[in-house]
Amino acid sequence: MDDRSRVLTAACVGAVLGGVWGWLYLTKSGCQARDRIEPTIDRIIDELKGVRATGEKVKTVVDDGRRLLADVIAIGTPA
């Protein structure tokens, strides 16, 4: 993809996003749609936060397991 195609693609994406933003924030029907969409987005964000917290807990457990395994290997290895 050459620079000209990238510029055209970026301009088109920007125009679409600007149009959607304008519709959501500057029209009555967009405001109604936003009011219906926002609770769902909030729930998705809450779920993602929960997933992130779970991932951090899993990482902690894996790190603890690695340290324990390293200690067991060190104890079993003759000096």
PDB file of N, CA and C in Angstrom:
ATOM      1  N   MET A   1       0.862  -1.176   0.000  1.00  0.00           N
ATOM      2  CA  MET A   1       0.000   0.000   0.000  1.00  0.00           C
ATOM      3  C   MET A   1       0.902   1.231   0.000  1.00  0.00           C
ATOM      4  N   ASP A   2       0.690   2.104  -0.947  1.00  0.00           N
ATOM      5  CA  ASP A   2       1.525   3.296  -1.035  1.00  0.00           C
ATOM      6  C   ASP A   2       0.955   4.417  -0.157  1.00  0.00           C
ATOM      7  N   ASP A   3       1.714   5.500  -0.045  1.00  0.00           N
ATOM      8  CA  ASP A   3       1.326   6.621   0.821  1.00  0.00           C
ATOM      9  C   ASP A   3      -0.003   7.239   0.398  1.00  0.00           C
ATOM     10  N   ARG A   4      -0.233   7.311  -0.881  1.00  0.00           N
ATOM     11  CA  ARG A   4      -1.478   7.916  -1.370  1.00  0.00           C
ATOM     12  C   ARG A   4      -2.701   7.110  -0.912  1.00  0.00           C
ATOM     13  N   SER A   5      -2.593   5.782  -0.969  1.00  0.00           N
ATOM     14  CA  SER A   5      -3.686   4.913  -0.529  1.00  0.00           C
ATOM     15  C   SER A   5      -3.909   5.049   0.969  1.00  0.00           C
ATOM     16  N   ARG A   6      -2.833   5.152   1.718  1.00  0.00           N
ATOM     17  CA  ARG A   6      -2.953   5.307   3.173  1.00  0.00           C
ATOM     18  C   ARG A   6      -3.643   6.617   3.526  1.00  0.00           C
ATOM     19  N   VAL A   7      -3.285   7.681   2.831  1.00  0.00           N
ATOM     20  CA  VAL A   7      -3.907   8.983   3.087  1.00  0.00           C
ATOM     21  C   VAL A   7      -5.392   8.929   2.750  1.00  0.00           C
ATOM     22  N   LEU A   8      -5.727   8.329   1.621  1.00  0.00           N
ATOM     23  CA  LEU A   8      -7.131   8.206   1.213  1.00  0.00           C
ATOM     24  C   LEU A   8      -7.914   7.361   2.220  1.00  0.00           C
ATOM     25  N   THR A   9      -7.335   6.260   2.645  1.00  0.00           N
ATOM     26  CA  THR A   9      -7.993   5.398   3.634  1.00  0.00           C
ATOM     27  C   THR A   9      -8.206   6.141   4.942  1.00  0.00           C
ATOM     28  N   ALA A  10      -7.179   6.838   5.417  1.00  0.00           N
ATOM     29  CA  ALA A  10      -7.295   7.594   6.669  1.00  0.00           C
ATOM     30  C   ALA A  10      -8.351   8.683   6.555  1.00  0.00           C
ATOM     31  N   ALA A  11      -8.419   9.355   5.412  1.00  0.00           N
ATOM     32  CA  ALA A  11      -9.422  10.404   5.212  1.00  0.00           C
ATOM     33  C   ALA A  11     -10.828   9.825   5.226  1.00  0.00           C
ATOM     34  N   CYS A  12     -11.006   8.689   4.585  1.00  0.00           N
ATOM     35  CA  CYS A  12     -12.327   8.048   4.561  1.00  0.00           C
ATOM     36  C   CYS A  12     -12.742   7.581   5.947  1.00  0.00           C
ATOM     37  N   VAL A  13     -11.839   6.954   6.666  1.00  0.00           N
ATOM     38  CA  VAL A  13     -12.142   6.503   8.025  1.00  0.00           C
ATOM     39  C   VAL A  13     -12.466   7.703   8.912  1.00  0.00           C
ATOM     40  N   GLY A  14     -11.700   8.765   8.788  1.00  0.00           N
ATOM     41  CA  GLY A  14     -11.953   9.975   9.569  1.00  0.00           C
ATOM     42  C   GLY A  14     -13.299  10.589   9.244  1.00  0.00           C
ATOM     43  N   ALA A  15     -13.669  10.587   7.984  1.00  0.00           N
ATOM     44  CA  ALA A  15     -14.969  11.137   7.583  1.00  0.00           C
ATOM     45  C   ALA A  15     -16.115  10.315   8.149  1.00  0.00           C
ATOM     46  N   VAL A  16     -15.979   9.001   8.097  1.00  0.00           N
ATOM     47  CA  VAL A  16     -17.024   8.127   8.631  1.00  0.00           C
ATOM     48  C   VAL A  16     -17.144   8.318  10.141  1.00  0.00           C
ATOM     49  N   LEU A  17     -16.017   8.300  10.842  1.00  0.00           N
ATOM     50  CA  LEU A  17     -16.052   8.479  12.297  1.00  0.00           C
ATOM     51  C   LEU A  17     -16.609   9.850  12.673  1.00  0.00           C
ATOM     52  N   GLY A  18     -16.245  10.875  11.939  1.00  0.00           N
ATOM     53  CA  GLY A  18     -16.782  12.210  12.193  1.00  0.00           C
ATOM     54  C   GLY A  18     -18.285  12.273  11.961  1.00  0.00           C
ATOM     55  N   GLY A  19     -18.742  11.602  10.928  1.00  0.00           N
ATOM     56  CA  GLY A  19     -20.175  11.550  10.649  1.00  0.00           C
ATOM     57  C   GLY A  19     -20.942  10.828  11.747  1.00  0.00           C
ATOM     58  N   VAL A  20     -20.405   9.715  12.198  1.00  0.00           N
ATOM     59  CA  VAL A  20     -21.052   8.963  13.284  1.00  0.00           C
ATOM     60  C   VAL A  20     -21.067   9.793  14.558  1.00  0.00           C
ATOM     61  N   TRP A  21     -19.946  10.411  14.882  1.00  0.00           N
ATOM     62  CA  TRP A  21     -19.883  11.246  16.090  1.00  0.00           C
ATOM     63  C   TRP A  21     -20.898  12.388  15.994  1.00  0.00           C
ATOM     64  N   GLY A  22     -20.942  13.045  14.861  1.00  0.00           N
ATOM     65  CA  GLY A  22     -21.896  14.142  14.672  1.00  0.00           C
ATOM     66  C   GLY A  22     -23.328  13.675  14.822  1.00  0.00           C
ATOM     67  N   TRP A  23     -23.656  12.524  14.243  1.00  0.00           N
ATOM     68  CA  TRP A  23     -25.010  11.992  14.367  1.00  0.00           C
ATOM     69  C   TRP A  23     -25.334  11.671  15.823  1.00  0.00           C
ATOM     70  N   LEU A  24     -24.387  11.028  16.534  1.00  0.00           N
ATOM     71  CA  LEU A  24     -24.643  10.642  17.925  1.00  0.00           C
ATOM     72  C   LEU A  24     -24.821  11.838  18.849  1.00  0.00           C
ATOM     73  N   TYR A  25     -24.087  12.903  18.610  1.00  0.00           N
ATOM     74  CA  TYR A  25     -24.088  14.026  19.553  1.00  0.00           C
ATOM     75  C   TYR A  25     -24.873  15.253  19.082  1.00  0.00           C
ATOM     76  N   LEU A  26     -25.261  15.296  17.825  1.00  0.00           N
ATOM     77  CA  LEU A  26     -25.896  16.505  17.334  1.00  0.00           C
ATOM     78  C   LEU A  26     -27.330  16.300  16.832  1.00  0.00           C
ATOM     79  N   THR A  27     -27.835  15.075  16.904  1.00  0.00           N
ATOM     80  CA  THR A  27     -29.203  14.832  16.465  1.00  0.00           C
ATOM     81  C   THR A  27     -30.005  14.181  17.581  1.00  0.00           C
ATOM     82  N   LYS A  28     -31.317  14.363  17.527  1.00  0.00           N
ATOM     83  CA  LYS A  28     -32.191  13.780  18.544  1.00  0.00           C
ATOM     84  C   LYS A  28     -32.162  12.253  18.464  1.00  0.00           C
ATOM     85  N   SER A  29     -32.217  11.707  17.252  1.00  0.00           N
ATOM     86  CA  SER A  29     -32.193  10.244  17.111  1.00  0.00           C
ATOM     87  C   SER A  29     -30.841   9.674  17.549  1.00  0.00           C
ATOM     88  N   GLY A  30     -29.767  10.419  17.311  1.00  0.00           N
ATOM     89  CA  GLY A  30     -28.451   9.985  17.775  1.00  0.00           C
ATOM     90  C   GLY A  30     -28.375   9.972  19.292  1.00  0.00           C
ATOM     91  N   CYS A  31     -28.973  10.966  19.917  1.00  0.00           N
ATOM     92  CA  CYS A  31     -29.004  11.033  21.382  1.00  0.00           C
ATOM     93  C   CYS A  31     -29.783   9.847  21.948  1.00  0.00           C
ATOM     94  N   GLN A  32     -30.896   9.509  21.310  1.00  0.00           N
ATOM     95  CA  GLN A  32     -31.687   8.356  21.750  1.00  0.00           C
ATOM     96  C   GLN A  32     -30.890   7.061  21.578  1.00  0.00           C
ATOM     97  N   ALA A  33     -30.197   6.937  20.471  1.00  0.00           N
ATOM     98  CA  ALA A  33     -29.367   5.748  20.244  1.00  0.00           C
ATOM     99  C   ALA A  33     -28.253   5.677  21.279  1.00  0.00           C
ATOM    100  N   ARG A  34     -27.638   6.816  21.561  1.00  0.00           N
ATOM    101  CA  ARG A  34     -26.565   6.865  22.559  1.00  0.00           C
ATOM    102  C   ARG A  34     -27.090   6.452  23.937  1.00  0.00           C
ATOM    103  N   ASP A  35     -28.292   6.895  24.279  1.00  0.00           N
ATOM    104  CA  ASP A  35     -28.892   6.528  25.559  1.00  0.00           C
ATOM    105  C   ASP A  35     -29.139   5.023  25.652  1.00  0.00           C
ATOM    106  N   ARG A  36     -29.439   4.375  24.521  1.00  0.00           N
ATOM    107  CA  ARG A  36     -29.637   2.922  24.521  1.00  0.00           C
ATOM    108  C   ARG A  36     -28.301   2.179  24.532  1.00  0.00           C
ATOM    109  N   ILE A  37     -27.282   2.745  23.901  1.00  0.00           N
ATOM    110  CA  ILE A  37     -25.993   2.073  23.750  1.00  0.00           C
ATOM    111  C   ILE A  37     -25.131   2.194  25.012  1.00  0.00           C
ATOM    112  N   GLU A  38     -25.173   3.332  25.674  1.00  0.00           N
ATOM    113  CA  GLU A  38     -24.259   3.594  26.796  1.00  0.00           C
ATOM    114  C   GLU A  38     -24.332   2.560  27.922  1.00  0.00           C
ATOM    115  N   PRO A  39     -25.507   2.087  28.362  1.00  0.00           N
ATOM    116  CA  PRO A  39     -25.518   1.061  29.416  1.00  0.00           C
ATOM    117  C   PRO A  39     -24.800  -0.226  28.990  1.00  0.00           C
ATOM    118  N   THR A  40     -24.965  -0.593  27.727  1.00  0.00           N
ATOM    119  CA  THR A  40     -24.286  -1.791  27.231  1.00  0.00           C
ATOM    120  C   THR A  40     -22.780  -1.590  27.225  1.00  0.00           C
ATOM    121  N   ILE A  41     -22.340  -0.442  26.794  1.00  0.00           N
ATOM    122  CA  ILE A  41     -20.907  -0.144  26.780  1.00  0.00           C
ATOM    123  C   ILE A  41     -20.350  -0.149  28.208  1.00  0.00           C
ATOM    124  N   ASP A  42     -21.111   0.412  29.148  1.00  0.00           N
ATOM    125  CA  ASP A  42     -20.683   0.402  30.548  1.00  0.00           C
ATOM    126  C   ASP A  42     -20.542  -1.022  31.076  1.00  0.00           C
ATOM    127  N   ARG A  43     -21.489  -1.907  30.727  1.00  0.00           N
ATOM    128  CA  ARG A  43     -21.402  -3.307  31.166  1.00  0.00           C
ATOM    129  C   ARG A  43     -20.188  -3.993  30.546  1.00  0.00           C
ATOM    130  N   ILE A  44     -19.936  -3.708  29.270  1.00  0.00           N
ATOM    131  CA  ILE A  44     -18.768  -4.308  28.607  1.00  0.00           C
ATOM    132  C   ILE A  44     -17.485  -3.851  29.279  1.00  0.00           C
ATOM    133  N   ILE A  45     -17.398  -2.570  29.603  1.00  0.00           N
ATOM    134  CA  ILE A  45     -16.207  -2.045  30.270  1.00  0.00           C
ATOM    135  C   ILE A  45     -16.024  -2.698  31.630  1.00  0.00           C
ATOM    136  N   ASP A  46     -17.115  -2.860  32.385  1.00  0.00           N
ATOM    137  CA  ASP A  46     -17.034  -3.527  33.683  1.00  0.00           C
ATOM    138  C   ASP A  46     -16.548  -4.971  33.539  1.00  0.00           C
ATOM    139  N   GLU A  47     -17.065  -5.670  32.519  1.00  0.00           N
ATOM    140  CA  GLU A  47     -16.628  -7.049  32.278  1.00  0.00           C
ATOM    141  C   GLU A  47     -15.140  -7.100  31.921  1.00  0.00           C
ATOM    142  N   LEU A  48     -14.693  -6.167  31.101  1.00  0.00           N
ATOM    143  CA  LEU A  48     -13.273  -6.136  30.727  1.00  0.00           C
ATOM    144  C   LEU A  48     -12.382  -5.860  31.930  1.00  0.00           C
ATOM    145  N   LYS A  49     -12.862  -4.999  32.833  1.00  0.00           N
ATOM    146  CA  LYS A  49     -12.102  -4.750  34.062  1.00  0.00           C
ATOM    147  C   LYS A  49     -11.995  -6.023  34.890  1.00  0.00           C
ATOM    148  N   GLY A  50     -13.093  -6.782  34.956  1.00  0.00           N
ATOM    149  CA  GLY A  50     -13.073  -8.052  35.679  1.00  0.00           C
ATOM    150  C   GLY A  50     -12.116  -9.046  35.049  1.00  0.00           C
ATOM    151  N   VAL A  51     -12.119  -9.100  33.728  1.00  0.00           N
ATOM    152  CA  VAL A  51     -11.201  -9.997  33.020  1.00  0.00           C
ATOM    153  C   VAL A  51      -9.757  -9.599  33.293  1.00  0.00           C
ATOM    154  N   ARG A  52      -9.502  -8.302  33.303  1.00  0.00           N
ATOM    155  CA  ARG A  52      -8.147  -7.826  33.563  1.00  0.00           C
ATOM    156  C   ARG A  52      -7.714  -8.201  34.982  1.00  0.00           C
ATOM    157  N   ALA A  53      -8.598  -8.027  35.950  1.00  0.00           N
ATOM    158  CA  ALA A  53      -8.276  -8.381  37.334  1.00  0.00           C
ATOM    159  C   ALA A  53      -8.005  -9.877  37.452  1.00  0.00           C
ATOM    160  N   THR A  54      -8.808 -10.686  36.761  1.00  0.00           N
ATOM    161  CA  THR A  54      -8.594 -12.130  36.774  1.00  0.00           C
ATOM    162  C   THR A  54      -7.252 -12.478  36.142  1.00  0.00           C
ATOM    163  N   GLY A  55      -6.916 -11.821  35.054  1.00  0.00           N
ATOM    164  CA  GLY A  55      -5.626 -12.049  34.406  1.00  0.00           C
ATOM    165  C   GLY A  55      -4.464 -11.712  35.313  1.00  0.00           C
ATOM    166  N   GLU A  56      -4.598 -10.631  36.079  1.00  0.00           N
ATOM    167  CA  GLU A  56      -3.535 -10.261  37.015  1.00  0.00           C
ATOM    168  C   GLU A  56      -3.397 -11.297  38.123  1.00  0.00           C
ATOM    169  N   LYS A  57      -4.536 -11.839  38.595  1.00  0.00           N
ATOM    170  CA  LYS A  57      -4.485 -12.889  39.617  1.00  0.00           C
ATOM    171  C   LYS A  57      -3.818 -14.139  39.068  1.00  0.00           C
ATOM    172  N   VAL A  58      -4.154 -14.510  37.828  1.00  0.00           N
ATOM    173  CA  VAL A  58      -3.542 -15.682  37.196  1.00  0.00           C
ATOM    174  C   VAL A  58      -2.040 -15.475  37.053  1.00  0.00           C
ATOM    175  N   LYS A  59      -1.635 -14.284  36.660  1.00  0.00           N
ATOM    176  CA  LYS A  59      -0.204 -13.987  36.524  1.00  0.00           C
ATOM    177  C   LYS A  59       0.510 -14.140  37.861  1.00  0.00           C
ATOM    178  N   THR A  60      -0.111 -13.674  38.936  1.00  0.00           N
ATOM    179  CA  THR A  60       0.477 -13.809  40.266  1.00  0.00           C
ATOM    180  C   THR A  60       0.623 -15.279  40.643  1.00  0.00           C
ATOM    181  N   VAL A  61      -0.411 -16.072  40.382  1.00  0.00           N
ATOM    182  CA  VAL A  61      -0.362 -17.501  40.707  1.00  0.00           C
ATOM    183  C   VAL A  61       0.719 -18.195  39.890  1.00  0.00           C
ATOM    184  N   VAL A  62       0.829 -17.869  38.618  1.00  0.00           N
ATOM    185  CA  VAL A  62       1.860 -18.480  37.761  1.00  0.00           C
ATOM    186  C   VAL A  62       3.251 -18.098  38.255  1.00  0.00           C
ATOM    187  N   ASP A  63       3.455 -16.830  38.607  1.00  0.00           N
ATOM    188  CA  ASP A  63       4.753 -16.402  39.124  1.00  0.00           C
ATOM    189  C   ASP A  63       5.104 -17.134  40.426  1.00  0.00           C
ATOM    190  N   ASP A  64       4.113 -17.284  41.310  1.00  0.00           N
ATOM    191  CA  ASP A  64       4.341 -18.022  42.556  1.00  0.00           C
ATOM    192  C   ASP A  64       4.700 -19.478  42.261  1.00  0.00           C
ATOM    193  N   GLY A  65       4.008 -20.079  41.301  1.00  0.00           N
ATOM    194  CA  GLY A  65       4.297 -21.458  40.924  1.00  0.00           C
ATOM    195  C   GLY A  65       5.692 -21.613  40.355  1.00  0.00           C
ATOM    196  N   ARG A  66       6.117 -20.653  39.547  1.00  0.00           N
ATOM    197  CA  ARG A  66       7.482 -20.706  38.994  1.00  0.00           C
ATOM    198  C   ARG A  66       8.531 -20.607  40.097  1.00  0.00           C
ATOM    199  N   ARG A  67       8.302 -19.696  41.045  1.00  0.00           N
ATOM    200  CA  ARG A  67       9.250 -19.565  42.154  1.00  0.00           C
ATOM    201  C   ARG A  67       9.302 -20.841  42.985  1.00  0.00           C
ATOM    202  N   LEU A  68       8.143 -21.429  43.250  1.00  0.00           N
ATOM    203  CA  LEU A  68       8.090 -22.663  44.013  1.00  0.00           C
ATOM    204  C   LEU A  68       8.808 -23.786  43.276  1.00  0.00           C
ATOM    205  N   LEU A  69       8.575 -23.896  41.990  1.00  0.00           N
ATOM    206  CA  LEU A  69       9.245 -24.923  41.194  1.00  0.00           C
ATOM    207  C   LEU A  69      10.757 -24.705  41.192  1.00  0.00           C
ATOM    208  N   ALA A  70      11.188 -23.462  41.072  1.00  0.00           N
ATOM    209  CA  ALA A  70      12.624 -23.167  41.102  1.00  0.00           C
ATOM    210  C   ALA A  70      13.213 -23.548  42.457  1.00  0.00           C
ATOM    211  N   ASP A  71      12.485 -23.295  43.541  1.00  0.00           N
ATOM    212  CA  ASP A  71      12.961 -23.677  44.876  1.00  0.00           C
ATOM    213  C   ASP A  71      13.060 -25.186  45.017  1.00  0.00           C
ATOM    214  N   VAL A  72      12.063 -25.905  44.511  1.00  0.00           N
ATOM    215  CA  VAL A  72      12.076 -27.374  44.591  1.00  0.00           C
ATOM    216  C   VAL A  72      13.237 -27.931  43.779  1.00  0.00           C
ATOM    217  N   ILE A  73      13.468 -27.367  42.612  1.00  0.00           N
ATOM    218  CA  ILE A  73      14.589 -27.826  41.779  1.00  0.00           C
ATOM    219  C   ILE A  73      15.913 -27.532  42.476  1.00  0.00           C
ATOM    220  N   ALA A  74      16.023 -26.355  43.089  1.00  0.00           N
ATOM    221  CA  ALA A  74      17.259 -25.968  43.779  1.00  0.00           C
ATOM    222  C   ALA A  74      17.520 -26.905  44.968  1.00  0.00           C
ATOM    223  N   ILE A  75      16.476 -27.290  45.671  1.00  0.00           N
ATOM    224  CA  ILE A  75      16.635 -28.182  46.828  1.00  0.00           C
ATOM    225  C   ILE A  75      17.067 -29.576  46.367  1.00  0.00           C
ATOM    226  N   GLY A  76      16.528 -30.030  45.250  1.00  0.00           N
ATOM    227  CA  GLY A  76      16.840 -31.368  44.756  1.00  0.00           C
ATOM    228  C   GLY A  76      18.147 -31.468  44.015  1.00  0.00           C
ATOM    229  N   THR A  77      18.766 -30.347  43.664  1.00  0.00           N
ATOM    230  CA  THR A  77      20.019 -30.352  42.919  1.00  0.00           C
ATOM    231  C   THR A  77      21.180 -30.433  43.896  1.00  0.00           C
ATOM    232  N   PRO A  78      22.083 -31.430  43.720  1.00  0.00           N
ATOM    233  CA  PRO A  78      23.249 -31.524  44.631  1.00  0.00           C
ATOM    234  C   PRO A  78      24.187 -30.329  44.417  1.00  0.00           C
ATOM    235  N   ALA A  79      24.759 -29.859  45.519  1.00  0.00           N
ATOM    236  CA  ALA A  79      25.638 -28.692  45.472  1.00  0.00           C
ATOM    237  C   ALA A  79      27.014 -29.024  44.998  1.00  0.00           C
TER     238      ALA A  79
END
